[in-house]
């Protein structure tokens, strides 16, 4: 077991861009009581035990007394200034009888578990606990995010996935920010890096921040199945549960869909929603997430034929389960009133209660549709009055339905002298021999041809 001192790791500075911060929640700190099987930090009479076959990096913030310590084969202590251990041999008052206190296993903690991350808009918000709600895919670090591991802590995280690498903008470990690939690769090859990060996928930093003001794709859809494998969905009681894009479970609440133009700014709009609405007391228990998603388009509701970008606002019901729809109506109303200045061209919502909200996009579309129809009618009337377009009369339509083509004679195709001009039949028949004439007879019902193979007096077909 190696002891490492973390008194002066220094800080690197990277340029701030329009990204989010994702902070890892678990730690392997000695002072964290949840890391011990007795749910308490060992005291001076206890025997401290680490699993011999487990690899672990433990951050120790202060000095501790103990009776005995059993160390793993491969591990380290990262000691803060003034931290350390001393042996009391079971003489600490109020500690009780010496027991074996086991440090818990941190191997199963996975990078792609959304429950193990916290999201914030700024580093200051991280420090003050002002966290954002996100759908499951975006709760895990996206390719444009800054990843933060707490300054005074260590950890162990499994980065295994189906991908060879995991792209992020930067990673902060023990207060040091790694913003370039080479710099962080060097840290990963160090003893602390090998103990803190393990798994089949390598964390790759240096990805540029999102340069699109309307937002960027998180990039975690490829890991959707792995992310959702760590999520347990709860039972719902709402009438029509909704399933947001990028979320693993159905939910009770509201989904607002926003269409936007080139002037839309996702970061500014997120701040607007929080400052206008979420600060109000009635929305205190609301969870709201805003992100850019690419929604699958389907022909006749079945065949996929592409995706379109839109802004998705997910609102989860609060404690009473009724505020989400009221908030959605306020947001859509705000979009209708200020859409031209915000770069919003359309907004509508769907609630798990079964109701739908029509926003500025549908209203504007209906108005334009009516205007286009009226314009077409005016153009047709003008063309009729100028004689460019002629409308058929009722009489001509009636004659046409009776088989006449607007008063014109019918086209009979080619002439048949046998039927088109019956008065010519005697002359035509006279042109042939008498033998031939015998095979043709005329009656009141028409002209009949006789087949010489059969006898006209013969009626027995078996004869």
Protein backbone atom coordinates (compact mmCIF):
# COMPACT_ATOMS: atom_id res chain seq x y z
CA UNK A 1 0.00 0.00 0.00
CA UNK A 2 1.51 3.29 -1.14
CA UNK A 3 1.01 6.63 0.60
CA UNK A 4 0.81 9.63 -1.72
CA UNK A 5 0.77 13.25 -0.52
CA UNK A 6 -1.69 15.57 -2.26
CA UNK A 7 -0.69 18.93 -0.85
CA UNK A 8 0.25 20.82 -4.02
CA UNK A 9 -1.24 19.36 -7.19
CA UNK A 10 -1.75 22.80 -8.77
CA UNK A 11 -4.52 23.91 -11.12
CA UNK A 12 -4.72 24.22 -14.88
CA UNK A 13 -6.97 26.75 -16.54
CA UNK A 14 -9.01 26.03 -19.64
CA UNK A 15 -11.25 28.32 -21.61
CA UNK A 16 -14.87 28.41 -20.46
CA UNK A 17 -17.36 27.49 -23.16
CA UNK A 18 -21.05 26.76 -23.44
CA UNK A 19 -20.94 23.30 -21.80
CA UNK A 20 -22.26 21.55 -18.71
CA UNK A 21 -20.36 20.13 -15.75
CA UNK A 22 -20.87 16.49 -14.74
CA UNK A 23 -19.62 15.59 -11.26
CA UNK A 24 -18.97 12.02 -10.08
CA UNK A 25 -20.84 11.37 -6.81
CA UNK A 26 -19.20 8.30 -5.18
CA UNK A 27 -15.78 8.48 -3.59
CA UNK A 28 -13.31 6.22 -1.83
CA UNK A 29 -12.63 8.62 1.05
CA UNK A 30 -11.66 7.23 4.43
CA UNK A 31 -13.94 9.71 6.23
CA UNK A 32 -17.06 8.74 4.26
CA UNK A 33 -19.04 6.44 6.54
CA UNK A 34 -20.96 4.96 3.61
CA UNK A 35 -17.69 3.37 2.46
CA UNK A 36 -17.60 1.10 5.54
CA UNK A 37 -19.65 -2.02 6.19
CA UNK A 38 -20.63 -0.80 9.68
CA UNK A 39 -21.80 2.56 8.21
CA UNK A 40 -19.35 4.33 10.55
CA UNK A 41 -15.74 5.51 10.28
CA UNK A 42 -13.44 3.15 12.27
CA UNK A 43 -12.36 4.39 15.69
CA UNK A 44 -9.16 3.74 17.67
CA UNK A 45 -10.21 0.33 18.99
CA UNK A 46 -11.23 -1.06 15.58
CA UNK A 47 -9.35 -3.29 13.18
CA UNK A 48 -9.41 -1.71 9.70
CA UNK A 49 -9.49 -4.19 6.86
CA UNK A 50 -9.17 -3.74 3.09
CA UNK A 51 -9.88 -6.66 0.79
CA UNK A 52 -6.54 -8.20 -0.16
CA UNK A 53 -7.39 -8.73 -3.83
CA UNK A 54 -9.09 -5.38 -4.47
CA UNK A 55 -7.36 -2.34 -5.92
CA UNK A 56 -8.27 0.91 -4.24
CA UNK A 57 -7.16 4.53 -3.99
CA UNK A 58 -8.25 6.04 -0.66
CA UNK A 59 -8.19 9.75 0.16
CA UNK A 60 -7.48 10.52 3.84
CA UNK A 61 -8.33 14.05 4.94
CA UNK A 62 -7.40 14.01 8.67
CA UNK A 63 -5.48 11.95 11.27
CA UNK A 64 -7.03 8.70 12.56
CA UNK A 65 -6.37 6.26 15.41
CA UNK A 66 -6.78 2.52 14.99
CA UNK A 67 -5.81 -0.76 16.61
CA UNK A 68 -4.73 -2.59 13.48
CA UNK A 69 -4.86 -2.16 9.67
CA UNK A 70 -4.90 -4.95 7.09
CA UNK A 71 -3.87 -3.60 3.69
CA UNK A 72 -4.59 -4.81 0.13
CA UNK A 73 -1.89 -6.09 -2.20
CA UNK A 74 -2.35 -3.15 -4.57
CA UNK A 75 -3.64 0.21 -3.34
CA UNK A 76 -2.73 3.67 -2.13
CA UNK A 77 -3.55 6.31 0.46
CA UNK A 78 -3.69 9.90 -0.77
CA UNK A 79 -2.95 11.93 2.35
CA UNK A 80 -4.14 15.48 2.75
CA UNK A 81 -1.93 17.90 4.69
CA UNK A 82 -1.89 16.74 8.35
CA UNK A 83 -3.54 13.40 7.60
CA UNK A 84 -2.19 10.06 8.83
CA UNK A 85 -2.67 7.10 11.20
CA UNK A 86 -1.48 6.16 14.66
CA UNK A 87 -2.02 3.03 16.79
CA UNK A 88 -3.79 3.20 20.17
CA UNK A 89 -3.85 -0.54 20.81
CA UNK A 90 -7.51 -0.48 21.77
CA UNK A 91 -7.27 2.31 24.36
CA UNK A 92 -9.61 4.95 22.85
CA UNK A 93 -12.37 5.87 25.36
CA UNK A 94 -15.94 5.55 24.11
CA UNK A 95 -14.95 3.48 21.11
CA UNK A 96 -16.34 0.22 22.43
CA UNK A 97 -14.92 -3.20 21.84
CA UNK A 98 -12.58 -3.54 18.92
CA UNK A 99 -14.32 -4.93 15.83
CA UNK A 100 -13.20 -5.61 12.26
CA UNK A 101 -14.45 -2.80 10.01
CA UNK A 102 -14.37 -3.66 6.31
CA UNK A 103 -13.89 -1.09 3.54
CA UNK A 104 -16.59 -1.65 0.90
CA UNK A 105 -15.90 -2.83 -2.62
CA UNK A 106 -15.98 -0.05 -5.23
CA UNK A 107 -15.38 -2.23 -8.30
CA UNK A 108 -19.00 -2.25 -9.60
CA UNK A 109 -19.32 1.56 -9.84
CA UNK A 110 -19.87 2.23 -13.55
CA UNK A 111 -19.23 5.37 -15.58
CA UNK A 112 -22.48 4.84 -17.53
CA UNK A 113 -24.72 4.74 -14.46
CA UNK A 114 -26.72 8.02 -14.58
CA UNK A 115 -27.51 7.82 -10.85
CA UNK A 116 -23.81 8.34 -10.05
CA UNK A 117 -23.53 11.80 -11.67
CA UNK A 118 -24.66 15.33 -10.86
CA UNK A 119 -25.13 18.04 -13.51
CA UNK A 120 -24.61 21.78 -13.13
CA UNK A 121 -24.34 24.78 -15.45
CA UNK A 122 -21.24 26.22 -13.74
CA UNK A 123 -18.54 25.18 -11.29
CA UNK A 124 -20.06 27.58 -8.78
CA UNK A 125 -23.37 25.76 -9.04
CA UNK A 126 -21.54 22.50 -8.35
CA UNK A 127 -20.09 23.92 -5.16
CA UNK A 128 -23.46 25.27 -4.01
CA UNK A 129 -25.40 22.14 -4.90
CA UNK A 130 -27.49 23.76 -7.66
CA UNK A 131 -27.92 20.71 -9.85
CA UNK A 132 -29.84 20.32 -13.11
CA UNK A 133 -32.22 17.54 -14.06
CA UNK A 134 -31.39 15.63 -17.25
CA UNK A 135 -32.74 12.64 -19.13
CA UNK A 136 -30.76 9.49 -18.49
CA UNK A 137 -28.54 9.71 -21.57
CA UNK A 138 -27.51 13.26 -20.70
CA UNK A 139 -26.99 12.56 -17.00
CA UNK A 140 -23.84 10.70 -18.01
CA UNK A 141 -21.04 12.98 -19.33
CA UNK A 142 -21.63 14.03 -22.94
CA UNK A 143 -18.88 14.55 -25.47
CA UNK A 144 -18.83 18.33 -24.86
CA UNK A 145 -18.96 18.23 -21.04
CA UNK A 146 -16.40 19.00 -18.36
CA UNK A 147 -16.07 16.00 -16.00
CA UNK A 148 -15.36 16.78 -12.35
CA UNK A 149 -14.13 14.47 -9.59
CA UNK A 150 -14.26 16.26 -6.24
CA UNK A 151 -11.12 18.09 -5.20
CA UNK A 152 -10.55 16.41 -1.82
CA UNK A 153 -11.46 12.87 -2.78
CA UNK A 154 -10.39 9.77 -4.62
CA UNK A 155 -12.51 7.22 -6.46
CA UNK A 156 -12.61 4.09 -8.58
CA UNK A 157 -14.77 3.96 -11.71
CA UNK A 158 -15.34 1.27 -14.32
CA UNK A 159 -15.28 2.81 -17.82
CA UNK A 160 -16.12 -0.38 -19.75
CA UNK A 161 -18.41 0.06 -22.75
CA UNK A 162 -18.87 -1.11 -26.33
CA UNK A 163 -16.77 1.85 -27.53
CA UNK A 164 -12.98 1.96 -27.44
CA UNK A 165 -12.92 5.50 -26.07
CA UNK A 166 -15.18 7.95 -24.23
CA UNK A 167 -14.93 11.52 -25.49
CA UNK A 168 -15.25 14.46 -23.09
CA UNK A 169 -14.06 18.04 -23.06
CA UNK A 170 -11.97 17.89 -19.88
CA UNK A 171 -11.46 15.92 -16.67
CA UNK A 172 -10.70 17.39 -13.24
CA UNK A 173 -9.01 15.10 -10.67
CA UNK A 174 -7.90 16.25 -7.20
CA UNK A 175 -8.29 19.87 -8.27
CA UNK A 176 -6.21 19.57 -11.46
CA UNK A 177 -7.96 20.08 -14.78
CA UNK A 178 -6.75 18.00 -17.71
CA UNK A 179 -7.70 19.61 -21.01
CA UNK A 180 -5.39 17.90 -23.51
CA UNK A 181 -5.21 14.28 -24.58
CA UNK A 182 -1.48 13.86 -24.01
CA UNK A 183 -1.62 15.39 -20.54
CA UNK A 184 -4.44 13.16 -19.36
CA UNK A 185 -2.97 10.03 -20.99
CA UNK A 186 0.12 10.60 -18.91
CA UNK A 187 -2.00 10.78 -15.75
CA UNK A 188 -3.89 7.60 -16.68
CA UNK A 189 -0.59 5.74 -16.90
CA UNK A 190 0.41 6.86 -13.39
CA UNK A 191 -0.22 4.72 -10.32
CA UNK A 192 -3.13 6.87 -9.13
CA UNK A 193 -4.68 6.93 -12.61
CA UNK A 194 -4.55 3.15 -12.91
CA UNK A 195 -6.20 2.70 -9.51
CA UNK A 196 -8.90 5.33 -10.12
CA UNK A 197 -9.87 4.42 -13.72
CA UNK A 198 -10.27 0.86 -14.91
CA UNK A 199 -12.22 -0.84 -17.69
CA UNK A 200 -12.09 -1.51 -21.41
CA UNK A 201 -12.77 2.06 -22.64
CA UNK A 202 -10.26 4.88 -22.35
CA UNK A 203 -11.36 8.38 -21.31
CA UNK A 204 -10.22 10.79 -24.02
CA UNK A 205 -10.16 14.51 -23.23
CA UNK A 206 -9.62 17.50 -25.51
CA UNK A 207 -12.88 17.31 -27.41
CA UNK A 208 -13.83 20.89 -28.38
CA UNK A 209 -16.80 22.49 -26.71
CA UNK A 210 -20.16 22.82 -28.41
CA UNK A 211 -19.89 25.63 -30.96
CA UNK A 212 -23.56 25.65 -31.95
CA UNK A 213 -25.62 28.19 -29.96
CA UNK A 214 -28.74 26.07 -30.54
CA UNK A 215 -27.07 23.15 -28.74
CA UNK A 216 -25.25 19.96 -29.72
CA UNK A 217 -26.03 16.27 -29.69
CA UNK A 218 -24.90 14.64 -26.44
CA UNK A 219 -23.47 11.63 -28.26
CA UNK A 220 -24.63 9.04 -25.72
CA UNK A 221 -27.37 7.47 -27.84
CA UNK A 222 -24.85 4.83 -28.88
CA UNK A 223 -24.59 3.86 -25.20
CA UNK A 224 -28.35 3.98 -24.55
CA UNK A 225 -28.71 0.25 -23.89
CA UNK A 226 -25.81 0.17 -21.43
CA UNK A 227 -27.06 3.29 -19.63
CA UNK A 228 -30.56 1.90 -19.29
CA UNK A 229 -29.28 -1.44 -18.01
CA UNK A 230 -28.35 0.36 -14.77
CA UNK A 231 -31.77 2.04 -14.39
CA UNK A 232 -34.77 0.59 -12.59
CA UNK A 233 -38.05 2.13 -13.73
CA UNK A 234 -40.75 2.70 -11.13
CA UNK A 235 -44.47 2.05 -11.58
CA UNK A 236 -46.58 5.02 -12.67
CA UNK A 237 -50.12 6.07 -11.88
CA UNK A 238 -50.70 8.79 -14.51
CA UNK A 239 -53.24 8.37 -17.31
CA UNK A 240 -50.88 8.51 -20.29
CA UNK A 241 -47.19 8.09 -19.33
CA UNK A 242 -44.74 9.88 -21.61
CA UNK A 243 -41.35 8.71 -22.90
CA UNK A 244 -38.87 11.55 -23.55
CA UNK A 245 -36.09 11.17 -26.10
CA UNK A 246 -32.94 9.93 -24.33
CA UNK A 247 -34.77 8.71 -21.22
CA UNK A 248 -34.87 5.06 -20.13
CA UNK A 249 -38.28 5.11 -18.46
CA UNK A 250 -41.72 6.47 -19.04
CA UNK A 251 -42.66 9.36 -16.76
CA UNK A 252 -45.57 11.39 -15.44
CA UNK A 253 -45.38 15.04 -16.37
CA UNK A 254 -45.12 17.09 -19.54
CA UNK A 255 -42.93 17.16 -22.64
CA UNK A 256 -42.67 20.50 -24.45
CA UNK A 257 -41.45 20.43 -28.05
CA UNK A 258 -39.90 23.64 -29.37
CA UNK A 259 -39.01 24.42 -32.99
CA UNK A 260 -36.37 27.08 -33.42
CA UNK A 261 -34.68 29.33 -35.97
CA UNK A 262 -31.07 30.43 -36.43
CA UNK A 263 -31.29 33.07 -33.69
CA UNK A 264 -32.11 30.61 -30.91
CA UNK A 265 -29.60 30.21 -28.05
CA UNK A 266 -30.06 27.14 -25.85
CA UNK A 267 -27.97 28.38 -22.92
CA UNK A 268 -29.78 31.74 -22.80
CA UNK A 269 -33.17 30.04 -23.04
CA UNK A 270 -32.28 27.63 -20.23
CA UNK A 271 -31.38 30.56 -18.00
CA UNK A 272 -34.58 32.35 -18.97
CA UNK A 273 -36.77 29.40 -17.95
CA UNK A 274 -35.00 29.06 -14.60
CA UNK A 275 -35.11 32.78 -13.80
CA UNK A 276 -38.72 33.32 -14.90
CA UNK A 277 -40.41 30.21 -13.59
CA UNK A 278 -38.37 27.80 -11.48
CA UNK A 279 -37.61 30.45 -8.86
CA UNK A 280 -41.33 30.72 -8.09
CA UNK A 281 -42.50 28.95 -4.90
CA UNK A 282 -45.24 26.98 -6.69
CA UNK A 283 -42.63 25.29 -8.89
CA UNK A 284 -40.14 24.52 -6.13
CA UNK A 285 -40.55 20.75 -6.37
CA UNK A 286 -40.53 20.66 -10.18
CA UNK A 287 -37.76 18.88 -12.06
CA UNK A 288 -37.10 20.37 -15.49
CA UNK A 289 -34.56 19.47 -18.14
CA UNK A 290 -33.85 21.26 -21.43
CA UNK A 291 -31.78 19.78 -24.24
CA UNK A 292 -31.43 19.54 -27.99
CA UNK A 293 -32.55 16.19 -29.37
CA UNK A 294 -32.92 14.64 -32.79
CA UNK A 295 -36.40 13.22 -33.15
CA UNK A 296 -37.01 10.25 -35.47
CA UNK A 297 -39.37 11.00 -38.35
CA UNK A 298 -41.65 8.19 -39.53
CA UNK A 299 -43.66 7.90 -42.73
CA UNK A 300 -47.29 7.05 -41.94
CA UNK A 301 -46.13 6.68 -38.36
CA UNK A 302 -44.18 3.51 -39.18
CA UNK A 303 -41.30 3.84 -41.65
CA UNK A 304 -38.31 5.90 -40.41
CA UNK A 305 -36.93 8.35 -42.96
CA UNK A 306 -34.65 10.70 -41.01
CA UNK A 307 -34.42 12.93 -37.96
CA UNK A 308 -35.08 16.59 -37.22
CA UNK A 309 -33.48 18.68 -34.45
CA UNK A 310 -35.74 20.23 -31.83
CA UNK A 311 -35.59 21.45 -28.26
CA UNK A 312 -37.08 19.08 -25.70
CA UNK A 313 -38.24 20.42 -22.35
CA UNK A 314 -39.03 17.62 -19.88
CA UNK A 315 -41.02 18.52 -16.77
CA UNK A 316 -41.54 15.93 -14.04
CA UNK A 317 -44.50 16.27 -11.74
CA UNK A 318 -43.73 17.80 -8.37
CA UNK A 319 -44.86 16.65 -4.95
CA UNK A 320 -48.56 17.23 -5.70
CA UNK A 321 -48.35 16.07 -9.31
CA UNK A 322 -50.27 19.00 -10.79
CA UNK A 323 -47.74 21.81 -11.28
CA UNK A 324 -46.06 20.43 -14.41
CA UNK A 325 -48.98 21.16 -16.75
CA UNK A 326 -49.46 24.67 -15.32
CA UNK A 327 -45.75 25.36 -15.85
CA UNK A 328 -45.94 24.01 -19.41
CA UNK A 329 -48.79 26.39 -20.22
CA UNK A 330 -46.73 29.29 -18.90
CA UNK A 331 -43.69 28.30 -20.98
CA UNK A 332 -45.74 27.90 -24.17
CA UNK A 333 -47.45 31.23 -23.50
CA UNK A 334 -44.04 32.87 -23.09
CA UNK A 335 -42.90 31.31 -26.37
CA UNK A 336 -46.01 32.64 -28.12
CA UNK A 337 -45.43 36.16 -26.79
CA UNK A 338 -41.66 36.39 -27.26
CA UNK A 339 -40.94 33.77 -29.90
CA UNK A 340 -39.74 36.29 -32.49
CA UNK A 341 -37.07 37.67 -30.16
CA UNK A 342 -36.06 34.25 -28.75
CA UNK A 343 -35.71 32.56 -32.14
CA UNK A 344 -38.63 30.21 -31.43
CA UNK A 345 -40.89 29.33 -34.36
CA UNK A 346 -43.15 26.79 -32.69
CA UNK A 347 -44.01 25.30 -29.30
CA UNK A 348 -46.46 22.66 -28.12
CA UNK A 349 -46.72 20.28 -25.19
CA UNK A 350 -48.08 16.87 -24.35
CA UNK A 351 -49.10 16.02 -20.80
CA UNK A 352 -49.41 12.62 -19.14
CA UNK A 353 -52.92 13.67 -18.11
CA UNK A 354 -53.91 13.31 -21.77
CA UNK A 355 -54.22 16.99 -22.65
CA UNK A 356 -52.25 18.72 -25.38
CA UNK A 357 -51.19 22.33 -25.63
CA UNK A 358 -51.10 24.16 -28.94
CA UNK A 359 -48.32 26.67 -29.19
CA UNK A 360 -47.14 29.38 -31.47
CA UNK A 361 -46.03 27.04 -34.26
CA UNK A 362 -49.43 25.42 -34.82
CA UNK A 363 -51.26 28.73 -34.54
CA UNK A 364 -48.94 30.40 -37.03
CA UNK A 365 -49.20 27.40 -39.36
CA UNK A 366 -53.00 27.49 -39.30
CA UNK A 367 -53.03 31.23 -40.01
CA UNK A 368 -50.65 30.84 -42.96
CA UNK A 369 -52.73 27.94 -44.28
CA UNK A 370 -55.90 30.04 -44.27
CA UNK A 371 -54.11 32.97 -45.94
CA UNK A 372 -52.73 30.71 -48.69
CA UNK A 373 -56.19 29.24 -49.34
CA UNK A 374 -57.77 32.69 -49.58
CA UNK A 375 -55.00 33.84 -51.97
CA UNK A 376 -55.58 30.84 -54.27
CA UNK A 377 -59.32 31.51 -54.39
CA UNK A 378 -58.74 35.18 -55.33
CA UNK A 379 -56.29 34.19 -58.11
CA UNK A 380 -58.72 31.65 -59.60
CA UNK A 381 -61.59 34.18 -59.60
CA UNK A 382 -59.38 36.79 -61.31
CA UNK A 383 -58.35 34.31 -64.02
CA UNK A 384 -61.98 33.36 -64.67
CA UNK A 385 -63.02 36.99 -65.06
CA UNK A 386 -60.19 37.61 -67.55
CA UNK A 387 -61.20 34.57 -69.57
CA UNK A 388 -57.95 32.72 -68.97
CA UNK A 389 -59.83 29.95 -67.19
CA UNK A 390 -63.28 28.84 -68.40
CA UNK A 391 -65.72 27.14 -66.12
CA UNK A 392 -67.93 24.45 -67.75
CA UNK A 393 -71.69 25.11 -67.74
CA UNK A 394 -74.19 22.84 -66.01
CA UNK A 395 -75.75 21.79 -69.35
CA UNK A 396 -72.40 20.76 -70.77
CA UNK A 397 -71.62 18.81 -67.63
CA UNK A 398 -74.99 17.06 -67.92
CA UNK A 399 -74.47 16.18 -71.59
CA UNK A 400 -71.01 14.90 -70.75
CA UNK A 401 -72.45 12.63 -68.09
CA UNK A 402 -74.90 11.22 -70.69
CA UNK A 403 -72.06 10.16 -72.98
CA UNK A 404 -71.54 13.32 -75.07
CA UNK A 405 -68.34 15.23 -74.98
CA UNK A 406 -69.57 18.81 -74.42
CA UNK A 407 -71.67 18.80 -77.62
CA UNK A 408 -68.98 17.27 -79.85
CA UNK A 409 -69.76 14.09 -81.86
CA UNK A 410 -68.45 10.91 -80.32
CA UNK A 411 -65.34 9.34 -81.75
CA UNK A 412 -66.34 5.94 -83.08
CA UNK A 413 -62.83 4.86 -83.96
CA UNK A 414 -62.53 3.06 -87.37
CA UNK A 415 -65.54 2.51 -89.66
CA UNK A 416 -67.08 -0.97 -89.89
CA UNK A 417 -69.03 -1.24 -93.12
CA UNK A 418 -71.00 -4.16 -91.78
CA UNK A 419 -72.42 -2.29 -88.85
CA UNK A 420 -71.85 1.45 -89.34
CA UNK A 421 -73.63 1.42 -92.79
CA UNK A 422 -76.19 -1.40 -92.83
CA UNK A 423 -77.64 -0.20 -96.21
CA UNK A 424 -74.40 -1.24 -97.88
CA UNK A 425 -74.67 -4.88 -96.77
CA UNK A 426 -76.53 -6.14 -99.92
CA UNK A 427 -73.93 -4.56 -102.23
CA UNK A 428 -71.11 -6.00 -100.22
CA UNK A 429 -72.62 -9.45 -100.15
CA UNK A 430 -73.07 -9.33 -103.91
CA UNK A 431 -69.37 -9.06 -104.43
CA UNK A 432 -68.87 -12.61 -103.18
CA UNK A 433 -69.75 -15.93 -104.80
CA UNK A 434 -73.05 -17.68 -104.33
CA UNK A 435 -71.31 -20.30 -102.21
CA UNK A 436 -70.21 -17.71 -99.86
CA UNK A 437 -73.61 -16.10 -99.79
CA UNK A 438 -75.12 -19.34 -98.66
CA UNK A 439 -73.05 -19.16 -95.52
CA UNK A 440 -74.51 -15.78 -94.64
CA UNK A 441 -78.14 -15.10 -93.84
CA UNK A 442 -79.97 -11.95 -92.86
CA UNK A 443 -82.81 -11.86 -90.37
CA UNK A 444 -84.66 -9.16 -88.51
CA UNK A 445 -82.26 -9.60 -85.61
CA UNK A 446 -79.07 -9.15 -87.65
CA UNK A 447 -76.58 -10.91 -89.92
CA UNK A 448 -75.65 -14.55 -89.19
CA UNK A 449 -72.69 -16.56 -90.49
CA UNK A 450 -73.15 -20.25 -91.15
CA UNK A 451 -70.38 -22.71 -90.27
CA UNK A 452 -70.16 -25.32 -93.05
CA UNK A 453 -68.69 -27.89 -90.71
CA UNK A 454 -72.04 -28.31 -88.96
CA UNK A 455 -75.38 -29.19 -90.51
CA UNK A 456 -77.96 -26.56 -89.73
CA UNK A 457 -80.65 -29.28 -89.42
CA UNK A 458 -78.51 -31.33 -87.13
CA UNK A 459 -79.36 -30.90 -83.43
CA UNK A 460 -77.84 -34.05 -82.01
CA UNK A 461 -74.32 -33.21 -80.99
CA UNK A 462 -73.57 -36.84 -80.37
CA UNK A 463 -74.48 -37.95 -83.85
